[in-house]
Amino acid sequence: MNLGVLGLLLLLVVIAGFTASNLSPITLMFWRWPLIAAPLSLIVVGAAVFGAIVVMFISWPGHRHLRARIRDLEGRLRVLEVQPREAPPAAGQDDTRRFPS
């Protein structure tokens, strides 16, 4: 298993333990106005989901560009694979050029 994946799983376990131990409701405030009164676990999980959605939308144009580039390169590769190749020299034939001595 990759070290980064293992670290991410460990972080998720720590966050799950944190949210499970803080079940009392809190009020989430924006400036002076209360937005939501919910358990801390719900707020932490909701913030993680919201962050993942924001990152997905921010990275979407770059992924579209890369997908189009991959399709273009695959098409060029198909064209190159169809073209006939030069035949290699025969097994007993020497392809080196010799100068007269």
PDB file of N, CA and C in Angstrom:
ATOM      1  N   MET A   1       0.851  -1.179   0.000  1.00  0.00           N
ATOM      2  CA  MET A   1       0.000   0.000   0.000  1.00  0.00           C
ATOM      3  C   MET A   1       0.893   1.236   0.000  1.00  0.00           C
ATOM      4  N   ASN A   2       0.500   2.231  -0.760  1.00  0.00           N
ATOM      5  CA  ASN A   2       1.258   3.459  -0.873  1.00  0.00           C
ATOM      6  C   ASN A   2       1.270   4.190   0.477  1.00  0.00           C
ATOM      7  N   LEU A   3       2.371   4.854   0.793  1.00  0.00           N
ATOM      8  CA  LEU A   3       2.511   5.551   2.066  1.00  0.00           C
ATOM      9  C   LEU A   3       1.511   6.701   2.166  1.00  0.00           C
ATOM     10  N   GLY A   4       1.246   7.379   1.058  1.00  0.00           N
ATOM     11  CA  GLY A   4       0.276   8.473   1.065  1.00  0.00           C
ATOM     12  C   GLY A   4      -1.127   7.994   1.363  1.00  0.00           C
ATOM     13  N   VAL A   5      -1.509   6.852   0.794  1.00  0.00           N
ATOM     14  CA  VAL A   5      -2.833   6.294   1.043  1.00  0.00           C
ATOM     15  C   VAL A   5      -2.956   5.862   2.500  1.00  0.00           C
ATOM     16  N   LEU A   6      -1.891   5.285   3.018  1.00  0.00           N
ATOM     17  CA  LEU A   6      -1.896   4.873   4.424  1.00  0.00           C
ATOM     18  C   LEU A   6      -2.024   6.085   5.343  1.00  0.00           C
ATOM     19  N   GLY A   7      -1.314   7.156   5.029  1.00  0.00           N
ATOM     20  CA  GLY A   7      -1.421   8.382   5.813  1.00  0.00           C
ATOM     21  C   GLY A   7      -2.808   8.986   5.753  1.00  0.00           C
ATOM     22  N   LEU A   8      -3.424   8.949   4.566  1.00  0.00           N
ATOM     23  CA  LEU A   8      -4.779   9.470   4.413  1.00  0.00           C
ATOM     24  C   LEU A   8      -5.773   8.645   5.218  1.00  0.00           C
ATOM     25  N   LEU A   9      -5.631   7.314   5.193  1.00  0.00           N
ATOM     26  CA  LEU A   9      -6.511   6.460   5.998  1.00  0.00           C
ATOM     27  C   LEU A   9      -6.345   6.722   7.489  1.00  0.00           C
ATOM     28  N   LEU A  10      -5.110   6.929   7.924  1.00  0.00           N
ATOM     29  CA  LEU A  10      -4.866   7.238   9.332  1.00  0.00           C
ATOM     30  C   LEU A  10      -5.510   8.567   9.702  1.00  0.00           C
ATOM     31  N   LEU A  11      -5.414   9.559   8.832  1.00  0.00           N
ATOM     32  CA  LEU A  11      -6.041  10.850   9.081  1.00  0.00           C
ATOM     33  C   LEU A  11      -7.555  10.710   9.164  1.00  0.00           C
ATOM     34  N   LEU A  12      -8.143   9.908   8.286  1.00  0.00           N
ATOM     35  CA  LEU A  12      -9.588   9.700   8.330  1.00  0.00           C
ATOM     36  C   LEU A  12     -10.025   9.010   9.619  1.00  0.00           C
ATOM     37  N   VAL A  13      -9.228   8.082  10.119  1.00  0.00           N
ATOM     38  CA  VAL A  13      -9.552   7.414  11.385  1.00  0.00           C
ATOM     39  C   VAL A  13      -9.494   8.411  12.536  1.00  0.00           C
ATOM     40  N   VAL A  14      -8.491   9.284  12.530  1.00  0.00           N
ATOM     41  CA  VAL A  14      -8.373  10.295  13.593  1.00  0.00           C
ATOM     42  C   VAL A  14      -9.568  11.251  13.537  1.00  0.00           C
ATOM     43  N   ILE A  15      -9.953  11.681  12.338  1.00  0.00           N
ATOM     44  CA  ILE A  15     -11.103  12.584  12.201  1.00  0.00           C
ATOM     45  C   ILE A  15     -12.380  11.889  12.649  1.00  0.00           C
ATOM     46  N   ALA A  16     -12.547  10.626  12.282  1.00  0.00           N
ATOM     47  CA  ALA A  16     -13.740   9.883  12.709  1.00  0.00           C
ATOM     48  C   ALA A  16     -13.776   9.763  14.232  1.00  0.00           C
ATOM     49  N   GLY A  17     -12.650   9.501  14.864  1.00  0.00           N
ATOM     50  CA  GLY A  17     -12.599   9.437  16.328  1.00  0.00           C
ATOM     51  C   GLY A  17     -12.914  10.779  16.966  1.00  0.00           C
ATOM     52  N   PHE A  18     -12.414  11.865  16.371  1.00  0.00           N
ATOM     53  CA  PHE A  18     -12.687  13.207  16.884  1.00  0.00           C
ATOM     54  C   PHE A  18     -14.170  13.531  16.799  1.00  0.00           C
ATOM     55  N   THR A  19     -14.761  13.241  15.646  1.00  0.00           N
ATOM     56  CA  THR A  19     -16.172  13.577  15.488  1.00  0.00           C
ATOM     57  C   THR A  19     -17.064  12.687  16.347  1.00  0.00           C
ATOM     58  N   ALA A  20     -16.681  11.443  16.558  1.00  0.00           N
ATOM     59  CA  ALA A  20     -17.493  10.547  17.386  1.00  0.00           C
ATOM     60  C   ALA A  20     -17.453  10.961  18.853  1.00  0.00           C
ATOM     61  N   SER A  21     -16.379  11.607  19.270  1.00  0.00           N
ATOM     62  CA  SER A  21     -16.272  12.000  20.679  1.00  0.00           C
ATOM     63  C   SER A  21     -16.892  13.375  20.942  1.00  0.00           C
ATOM     64  N   ASN A  22     -17.289  14.107  19.899  1.00  0.00           N
ATOM     65  CA  ASN A  22     -17.886  15.437  20.069  1.00  0.00           C
ATOM     66  C   ASN A  22     -19.286  15.456  19.462  1.00  0.00           C
ATOM     67  N   LEU A  23     -20.234  14.879  20.170  1.00  0.00           N
ATOM     68  CA  LEU A  23     -21.593  14.771  19.654  1.00  0.00           C
ATOM     69  C   LEU A  23     -22.520  15.881  20.140  1.00  0.00           C
ATOM     70  N   SER A  24     -22.046  16.757  21.029  1.00  0.00           N
ATOM     71  CA  SER A  24     -22.917  17.828  21.515  1.00  0.00           C
ATOM     72  C   SER A  24     -23.152  18.855  20.409  1.00  0.00           C
ATOM     73  N   PRO A  25     -24.366  19.385  20.347  1.00  0.00           N
ATOM     74  CA  PRO A  25     -24.659  20.339  19.277  1.00  0.00           C
ATOM     75  C   PRO A  25     -23.935  21.667  19.488  1.00  0.00           C
ATOM     76  N   ILE A  26     -23.483  22.243  18.405  1.00  0.00           N
ATOM     77  CA  ILE A  26     -22.856  23.561  18.447  1.00  0.00           C
ATOM     78  C   ILE A  26     -23.566  24.435  17.413  1.00  0.00           C
ATOM     79  N   THR A  27     -23.406  25.740  17.556  1.00  0.00           N
ATOM     80  CA  THR A  27     -24.004  26.670  16.609  1.00  0.00           C
ATOM     81  C   THR A  27     -22.905  27.211  15.720  1.00  0.00           C
ATOM     82  N   LEU A  28     -23.062  27.014  14.440  1.00  0.00           N
ATOM     83  CA  LEU A  28     -22.107  27.520  13.463  1.00  0.00           C
ATOM     84  C   LEU A  28     -22.523  28.937  13.097  1.00  0.00           C
ATOM     85  N   MET A  29     -21.620  29.893  13.319  1.00  0.00           N
ATOM     86  CA  MET A  29     -21.933  31.301  13.101  1.00  0.00           C
ATOM     87  C   MET A  29     -21.205  31.807  11.864  1.00  0.00           C
ATOM     88  N   PHE A  30     -21.872  32.677  11.127  1.00  0.00           N
ATOM     89  CA  PHE A  30     -21.236  33.415  10.047  1.00  0.00           C
ATOM     90  C   PHE A  30     -21.402  34.879  10.379  1.00  0.00           C
ATOM     91  N   TRP A  31     -20.306  35.491  10.675  1.00  0.00           N
ATOM     92  CA  TRP A  31     -20.262  36.857  11.155  1.00  0.00           C
ATOM     93  C   TRP A  31     -21.020  36.925  12.456  1.00  0.00           C
ATOM     94  N   ARG A  32     -22.216  37.482  12.489  1.00  0.00           N
ATOM     95  CA  ARG A  32     -22.995  37.529  13.726  1.00  0.00           C
ATOM     96  C   ARG A  32     -24.234  36.641  13.653  1.00  0.00           C
ATOM     97  N   TRP A  33     -24.473  36.063  12.494  1.00  0.00           N
ATOM     98  CA  TRP A  33     -25.701  35.322  12.291  1.00  0.00           C
ATOM     99  C   TRP A  33     -25.473  33.821  12.465  1.00  0.00           C
ATOM    100  N   PRO A  34     -26.353  33.180  13.212  1.00  0.00           N
ATOM    101  CA  PRO A  34     -26.225  31.717  13.337  1.00  0.00           C
ATOM    102  C   PRO A  34     -26.717  31.032  12.057  1.00  0.00           C
ATOM    103  N   LEU A  35     -25.898  30.125  11.542  1.00  0.00           N
ATOM    104  CA  LEU A  35     -26.259  29.410  10.324  1.00  0.00           C
ATOM    105  C   LEU A  35     -26.966  28.100  10.624  1.00  0.00           C
ATOM    106  N   ILE A  36     -26.345  27.305  11.503  1.00  0.00           N
ATOM    107  CA  ILE A  36     -26.875  25.977  11.760  1.00  0.00           C
ATOM    108  C   ILE A  36     -26.485  25.554  13.174  1.00  0.00           C
ATOM    109  N   ALA A  37     -27.375  24.850  13.832  1.00  0.00           N
ATOM    110  CA  ALA A  37     -27.077  24.244  15.130  1.00  0.00           C
ATOM    111  C   ALA A  37     -27.126  22.739  14.918  1.00  0.00           C
ATOM    112  N   ALA A  38     -25.955  22.116  14.939  1.00  0.00           N
ATOM    113  CA  ALA A  38     -25.870  20.685  14.654  1.00  0.00           C
ATOM    114  C   ALA A  38     -24.694  20.089  15.423  1.00  0.00           C
ATOM    115  N   PRO A  39     -24.656  18.770  15.511  1.00  0.00           N
ATOM    116  CA  PRO A  39     -23.497  18.133  16.155  1.00  0.00           C
ATOM    117  C   PRO A  39     -22.209  18.437  15.378  1.00  0.00           C
ATOM    118  N   LEU A  40     -21.118  18.510  16.105  1.00  0.00           N
ATOM    119  CA  LEU A  40     -19.830  18.825  15.498  1.00  0.00           C
ATOM    120  C   LEU A  40     -19.451  17.792  14.448  1.00  0.00           C
ATOM    121  N   SER A  41     -19.828  16.536  14.678  1.00  0.00           N
ATOM    122  CA  SER A  41     -19.491  15.487  13.711  1.00  0.00           C
ATOM    123  C   SER A  41     -20.140  15.773  12.360  1.00  0.00           C
ATOM    124  N   LEU A  42     -21.390  16.219  12.360  1.00  0.00           N
ATOM    125  CA  LEU A  42     -22.075  16.538  11.117  1.00  0.00           C
ATOM    126  C   LEU A  42     -21.415  17.731  10.422  1.00  0.00           C
ATOM    127  N   ILE A  43     -21.004  18.712  11.186  1.00  0.00           N
ATOM    128  CA  ILE A  43     -20.370  19.899  10.603  1.00  0.00           C
ATOM    129  C   ILE A  43     -19.019  19.544   9.995  1.00  0.00           C
ATOM    130  N   VAL A  44     -18.236  18.712  10.668  1.00  0.00           N
ATOM    131  CA  VAL A  44     -16.919  18.327  10.140  1.00  0.00           C
ATOM    132  C   VAL A  44     -17.071  17.507   8.859  1.00  0.00           C
ATOM    133  N   VAL A  45     -17.980  16.545   8.865  1.00  0.00           N
ATOM    134  CA  VAL A  45     -18.196  15.723   7.668  1.00  0.00           C
ATOM    135  C   VAL A  45     -18.768  16.583   6.538  1.00  0.00           C
ATOM    136  N   GLY A  46     -19.683  17.469   6.860  1.00  0.00           N
ATOM    137  CA  GLY A  46     -20.245  18.363   5.845  1.00  0.00           C
ATOM    138  C   GLY A  46     -19.190  19.279   5.248  1.00  0.00           C
ATOM    139  N   ALA A  47     -18.275  19.784   6.072  1.00  0.00           N
ATOM    140  CA  ALA A  47     -17.204  20.633   5.561  1.00  0.00           C
ATOM    141  C   ALA A  47     -16.272  19.842   4.640  1.00  0.00           C
ATOM    142  N   ALA A  48     -16.005  18.587   4.981  1.00  0.00           N
ATOM    143  CA  ALA A  48     -15.147  17.749   4.129  1.00  0.00           C
ATOM    144  C   ALA A  48     -15.811  17.478   2.783  1.00  0.00           C
ATOM    145  N   VAL A  49     -17.105  17.177   2.796  1.00  0.00           N
ATOM    146  CA  VAL A  49     -17.826  16.929   1.543  1.00  0.00           C
ATOM    147  C   VAL A  49     -17.883  18.204   0.707  1.00  0.00           C
ATOM    148  N   PHE A  50     -18.177  19.330   1.345  1.00  0.00           N
ATOM    149  CA  PHE A  50     -18.220  20.608   0.637  1.00  0.00           C
ATOM    150  C   PHE A  50     -16.857  20.924   0.023  1.00  0.00           C
ATOM    151  N   GLY A  51     -15.782  20.696   0.762  1.00  0.00           N
ATOM    152  CA  GLY A  51     -14.434  20.930   0.232  1.00  0.00           C
ATOM    153  C   GLY A  51     -14.113  20.035  -0.948  1.00  0.00           C
ATOM    154  N   ALA A  52     -14.527  18.772  -0.885  1.00  0.00           N
ATOM    155  CA  ALA A  52     -14.287  17.853  -2.000  1.00  0.00           C
ATOM    156  C   ALA A  52     -15.041  18.301  -3.246  1.00  0.00           C
ATOM    157  N   ILE A  53     -16.268  18.778  -3.067  1.00  0.00           N
ATOM    158  CA  ILE A  53     -17.052  19.250  -4.217  1.00  0.00           C
ATOM    159  C   ILE A  53     -16.418  20.498  -4.820  1.00  0.00           C
ATOM    160  N   VAL A  54     -15.951  21.410  -3.989  1.00  0.00           N
ATOM    161  CA  VAL A  54     -15.297  22.627  -4.493  1.00  0.00           C
ATOM    162  C   VAL A  54     -14.038  22.274  -5.276  1.00  0.00           C
ATOM    163  N   VAL A  55     -13.229  21.372  -4.751  1.00  0.00           N
ATOM    164  CA  VAL A  55     -12.006  20.960  -5.447  1.00  0.00           C
ATOM    165  C   VAL A  55     -12.345  20.282  -6.770  1.00  0.00           C
ATOM    166  N   MET A  56     -13.408  19.482  -6.795  1.00  0.00           N
ATOM    167  CA  MET A  56     -13.815  18.818  -8.031  1.00  0.00           C
ATOM    168  C   MET A  56     -14.178  19.845  -9.098  1.00  0.00           C
ATOM    169  N   PHE A  57     -14.943  20.867  -8.731  1.00  0.00           N
ATOM    170  CA  PHE A  57     -15.335  21.879  -9.703  1.00  0.00           C
ATOM    171  C   PHE A  57     -14.159  22.740 -10.147  1.00  0.00           C
ATOM    172  N   ILE A  58     -13.224  23.001  -9.258  1.00  0.00           N
ATOM    173  CA  ILE A  58     -12.054  23.805  -9.627  1.00  0.00           C
ATOM    174  C   ILE A  58     -11.156  23.034 -10.585  1.00  0.00           C
ATOM    175  N   SER A  59     -10.992  21.735 -10.381  1.00  0.00           N
ATOM    176  CA  SER A  59     -10.080  20.945 -11.221  1.00  0.00           C
ATOM    177  C   SER A  59     -10.728  20.433 -12.494  1.00  0.00           C
ATOM    178  N   TRP A  60     -12.045  20.580 -12.654  1.00  0.00           N
ATOM    179  CA  TRP A  60     -12.756  20.043 -13.803  1.00  0.00           C
ATOM    180  C   TRP A  60     -12.262  20.587 -15.145  1.00  0.00           C
ATOM    181  N   PRO A  61     -12.040  21.895 -15.326  1.00  0.00           N
ATOM    182  CA  PRO A  61     -11.550  22.379 -16.629  1.00  0.00           C
ATOM    183  C   PRO A  61     -10.182  21.786 -16.997  1.00  0.00           C
ATOM    184  N   GLY A  62      -9.295  21.647 -16.047  1.00  0.00           N
ATOM    185  CA  GLY A  62      -7.996  21.045 -16.325  1.00  0.00           C
ATOM    186  C   GLY A  62      -8.113  19.597 -16.762  1.00  0.00           C
ATOM    187  N   HIS A  63      -9.014  18.864 -16.132  1.00  0.00           N
ATOM    188  CA  HIS A  63      -9.226  17.467 -16.508  1.00  0.00           C
ATOM    189  C   HIS A  63      -9.821  17.362 -17.916  1.00  0.00           C
ATOM    190  N   ARG A  64     -10.727  18.273 -18.261  1.00  0.00           N
ATOM    191  CA  ARG A  64     -11.284  18.266 -19.619  1.00  0.00           C
ATOM    192  C   ARG A  64     -10.199  18.510 -20.650  1.00  0.00           C
ATOM    193  N   HIS A  65      -9.305  19.455 -20.352  1.00  0.00           N
ATOM    194  CA  HIS A  65      -8.208  19.746 -21.274  1.00  0.00           C
ATOM    195  C   HIS A  65      -7.303  18.525 -21.434  1.00  0.00           C
ATOM    196  N   LEU A  66      -6.955  17.883 -20.340  1.00  0.00           N
ATOM    197  CA  LEU A  66      -6.080  16.713 -20.412  1.00  0.00           C
ATOM    198  C   LEU A  66      -6.768  15.554 -21.131  1.00  0.00           C
ATOM    199  N   ARG A  67      -8.071  15.373 -20.915  1.00  0.00           N
ATOM    200  CA  ARG A  67      -8.801  14.316 -21.607  1.00  0.00           C
ATOM    201  C   ARG A  67      -8.789  14.542 -23.115  1.00  0.00           C
ATOM    202  N   ALA A  68      -8.972  15.802 -23.542  1.00  0.00           N
ATOM    203  CA  ALA A  68      -8.939  16.117 -24.969  1.00  0.00           C
ATOM    204  C   ALA A  68      -7.541  15.878 -25.533  1.00  0.00           C
ATOM    205  N   ARG A  69      -6.519  16.221 -24.774  1.00  0.00           N
ATOM    206  CA  ARG A  69      -5.136  16.012 -25.223  1.00  0.00           C
ATOM    207  C   ARG A  69      -4.843  14.517 -25.368  1.00  0.00           C
ATOM    208  N   ILE A  70      -5.315  13.713 -24.435  1.00  0.00           N
ATOM    209  CA  ILE A  70      -5.101  12.259 -24.505  1.00  0.00           C
ATOM    210  C   ILE A  70      -5.798  11.695 -25.738  1.00  0.00           C
ATOM    211  N   ARG A  71      -7.059  12.122 -26.005  1.00  0.00           N
ATOM    212  CA  ARG A  71      -7.754  11.649 -27.192  1.00  0.00           C
ATOM    213  C   ARG A  71      -6.996  12.016 -28.462  1.00  0.00           C
ATOM    214  N   ASP A  72      -6.452  13.237 -28.525  1.00  0.00           N
ATOM    215  CA  ASP A  72      -5.687  13.667 -29.685  1.00  0.00           C
ATOM    216  C   ASP A  72      -4.433  12.813 -29.865  1.00  0.00           C
ATOM    217  N   LEU A  73      -3.713  12.570 -28.801  1.00  0.00           N
ATOM    218  CA  LEU A  73      -2.487  11.771 -28.894  1.00  0.00           C
ATOM    219  C   LEU A  73      -2.793  10.311 -29.242  1.00  0.00           C
ATOM    220  N   GLU A  74      -3.899   9.768 -28.727  1.00  0.00           N
ATOM    221  CA  GLU A  74      -4.266   8.396 -29.089  1.00  0.00           C
ATOM    222  C   GLU A  74      -4.602   8.291 -30.566  1.00  0.00           C
ATOM    223  N   GLY A  75      -5.289   9.316 -31.103  1.00  0.00           N
ATOM    224  CA  GLY A  75      -5.590   9.326 -32.531  1.00  0.00           C
ATOM    225  C   GLY A  75      -4.328   9.400 -33.372  1.00  0.00           C
ATOM    226  N   ARG A  76      -3.387  10.217 -32.971  1.00  0.00           N
ATOM    227  CA  ARG A  76      -2.112  10.307 -33.697  1.00  0.00           C
ATOM    228  C   ARG A  76      -1.344   8.999 -33.609  1.00  0.00           C
ATOM    229  N   LEU A  77      -1.421   8.332 -32.475  1.00  0.00           N
ATOM    230  CA  LEU A  77      -0.741   7.047 -32.317  1.00  0.00           C
ATOM    231  C   LEU A  77      -1.354   5.988 -33.234  1.00  0.00           C
ATOM    232  N   ARG A  78      -2.697   5.973 -33.338  1.00  0.00           N
ATOM    233  CA  ARG A  78      -3.348   5.023 -34.243  1.00  0.00           C
ATOM    234  C   ARG A  78      -2.909   5.233 -35.680  1.00  0.00           C
ATOM    235  N   VAL A  79      -2.762   6.501 -36.092  1.00  0.00           N
ATOM    236  CA  VAL A  79      -2.311   6.792 -37.458  1.00  0.00           C
ATOM    237  C   VAL A  79      -0.892   6.289 -37.662  1.00  0.00           C
ATOM    238  N   LEU A  80      -0.033   6.494 -36.682  1.00  0.00           N
ATOM    239  CA  LEU A  80       1.359   6.052 -36.803  1.00  0.00           C
ATOM    240  C   LEU A  80       1.472   4.535 -36.785  1.00  0.00           C
ATOM    241  N   GLU A  81       0.599   3.854 -36.065  1.00  0.00           N
ATOM    242  CA  GLU A  81       0.652   2.396 -36.022  1.00  0.00           C
ATOM    243  C   GLU A  81       0.196   1.777 -37.340  1.00  0.00           C
ATOM    244  N   VAL A  82      -0.661   2.444 -38.076  1.00  0.00           N
ATOM    245  CA  VAL A  82      -1.177   1.922 -39.337  1.00  0.00           C
ATOM    246  C   VAL A  82      -0.147   2.068 -40.457  1.00  0.00           C
ATOM    247  N   GLN A  83       0.687   3.102 -40.408  1.00  0.00           N
ATOM    248  CA  GLN A  83       1.675   3.326 -41.466  1.00  0.00           C
ATOM    249  C   GLN A  83       2.662   2.165 -41.536  1.00  0.00           C
ATOM    250  N   PRO A  84       3.039   1.745 -42.770  1.00  0.00           N
ATOM    251  CA  PRO A  84       4.000   0.632 -42.890  1.00  0.00           C
ATOM    252  C   PRO A  84       5.375   1.056 -42.398  1.00  0.00           C
ATOM    253  N   ARG A  85       6.067   0.111 -41.819  1.00  0.00           N
ATOM    254  CA  ARG A  85       7.413   0.371 -41.296  1.00  0.00           C
ATOM    255  C   ARG A  85       8.446  -0.140 -42.286  1.00  0.00           C
ATOM    256  N   GLU A  86       9.651   0.389 -42.158  1.00  0.00           N
ATOM    257  CA  GLU A  86      10.752  -0.107 -42.992  1.00  0.00           C
ATOM    258  C   GLU A  86      11.121  -1.513 -42.537  1.00  0.00           C
ATOM    259  N   ALA A  87      11.380  -2.372 -43.491  1.00  0.00           N
ATOM    260  CA  ALA A  87      11.756  -3.743 -43.151  1.00  0.00           C
ATOM    261  C   ALA A  87      13.188  -3.753 -42.632  1.00  0.00           C
ATOM    262  N   PRO A  88      13.461  -4.472 -41.566  1.00  0.00           N
ATOM    263  CA  PRO A  88      14.835  -4.563 -41.061  1.00  0.00           C
ATOM    264  C   PRO A  88      15.688  -5.380 -42.033  1.00  0.00           C
ATOM    265  N   PRO A  89      17.008  -5.175 -42.014  1.00  0.00           N
ATOM    266  CA  PRO A  89      17.869  -5.953 -42.910  1.00  0.00           C
ATOM    267  C   PRO A  89      17.767  -7.446 -42.605  1.00  0.00           C
ATOM    268  N   ALA A  90      17.963  -8.259 -43.643  1.00  0.00           N
ATOM    269  CA  ALA A  90      17.890  -9.719 -43.481  1.00  0.00           C
ATOM    270  C   ALA A  90      18.973 -10.194 -42.523  1.00  0.00           C
ATOM    271  N   ALA A  91      18.784 -11.397 -42.004  1.00  0.00           N
ATOM    272  CA  ALA A  91      19.678 -11.915 -40.967  1.00  0.00           C
ATOM    273  C   ALA A  91      21.130 -12.024 -41.448  1.00  0.00           C
ATOM    274  N   GLY A  92      21.371 -12.483 -42.654  1.00  0.00           N
ATOM    275  CA  GLY A  92      22.745 -12.664 -43.125  1.00  0.00           C
ATOM    276  C   GLY A  92      23.300 -11.443 -43.850  1.00  0.00           C
ATOM    277  N   GLN A  93      22.506 -10.432 -44.007  1.00  0.00           N
ATOM    278  CA  GLN A  93      22.909  -9.264 -44.790  1.00  0.00           C
ATOM    279  C   GLN A  93      23.543  -8.230 -43.877  1.00  0.00           C
ATOM    280  N   ASP A  94      24.701  -7.725 -44.288  1.00  0.00           N
ATOM    281  CA  ASP A  94      25.415  -6.716 -43.523  1.00  0.00           C
ATOM    282  C   ASP A  94      25.023  -5.344 -44.063  1.00  0.00           C
ATOM    283  N   ASP A  95      24.553  -4.470 -43.225  1.00  0.00           N
ATOM    284  CA  ASP A  95      24.053  -3.179 -43.673  1.00  0.00           C
ATOM    285  C   ASP A  95      25.100  -2.076 -43.514  1.00  0.00           C
ATOM    286  N   THR A  96      26.310  -2.397 -43.088  1.00  0.00           N
ATOM    287  CA  THR A  96      27.326  -1.361 -42.900  1.00  0.00           C
ATOM    288  C   THR A  96      27.945  -0.979 -44.227  1.00  0.00           C
ATOM    289  N   ARG A  97      28.329   0.266 -44.342  1.00  0.00           N
ATOM    290  CA  ARG A  97      28.974   0.751 -45.569  1.00  0.00           C
ATOM    291  C   ARG A  97      30.489   0.564 -45.411  1.00  0.00           C
ATOM    292  N   ARG A  98      31.110   0.013 -46.443  1.00  0.00           N
ATOM    293  CA  ARG A  98      32.551  -0.220 -46.392  1.00  0.00           C
ATOM    294  C   ARG A  98      33.230   0.654 -47.431  1.00  0.00           C
ATOM    295  N   PHE A  99      34.319   1.208 -47.019  1.00  0.00           N
ATOM    296  CA  PHE A  99      35.118   2.018 -47.943  1.00  0.00           C
ATOM    297  C   PHE A  99      36.160   1.145 -48.615  1.00  0.00           C
ATOM    298  N   PRO A 100      36.490   1.440 -49.859  1.00  0.00           N
ATOM    299  CA  PRO A 100      37.534   0.621 -50.509  1.00  0.00           C
ATOM    300  C   PRO A 100      38.880   0.812 -49.807  1.00  0.00           C
ATOM    301  N   SER A 101      39.622  -0.256 -49.657  1.00  0.00           N
ATOM    302  CA  SER A 101      40.907  -0.134 -48.995  1.00  0.00           C
ATOM    303  C   SER A 101      42.056   0.082 -49.942  1.00  0.00           C
TER     304      SER A 101
END
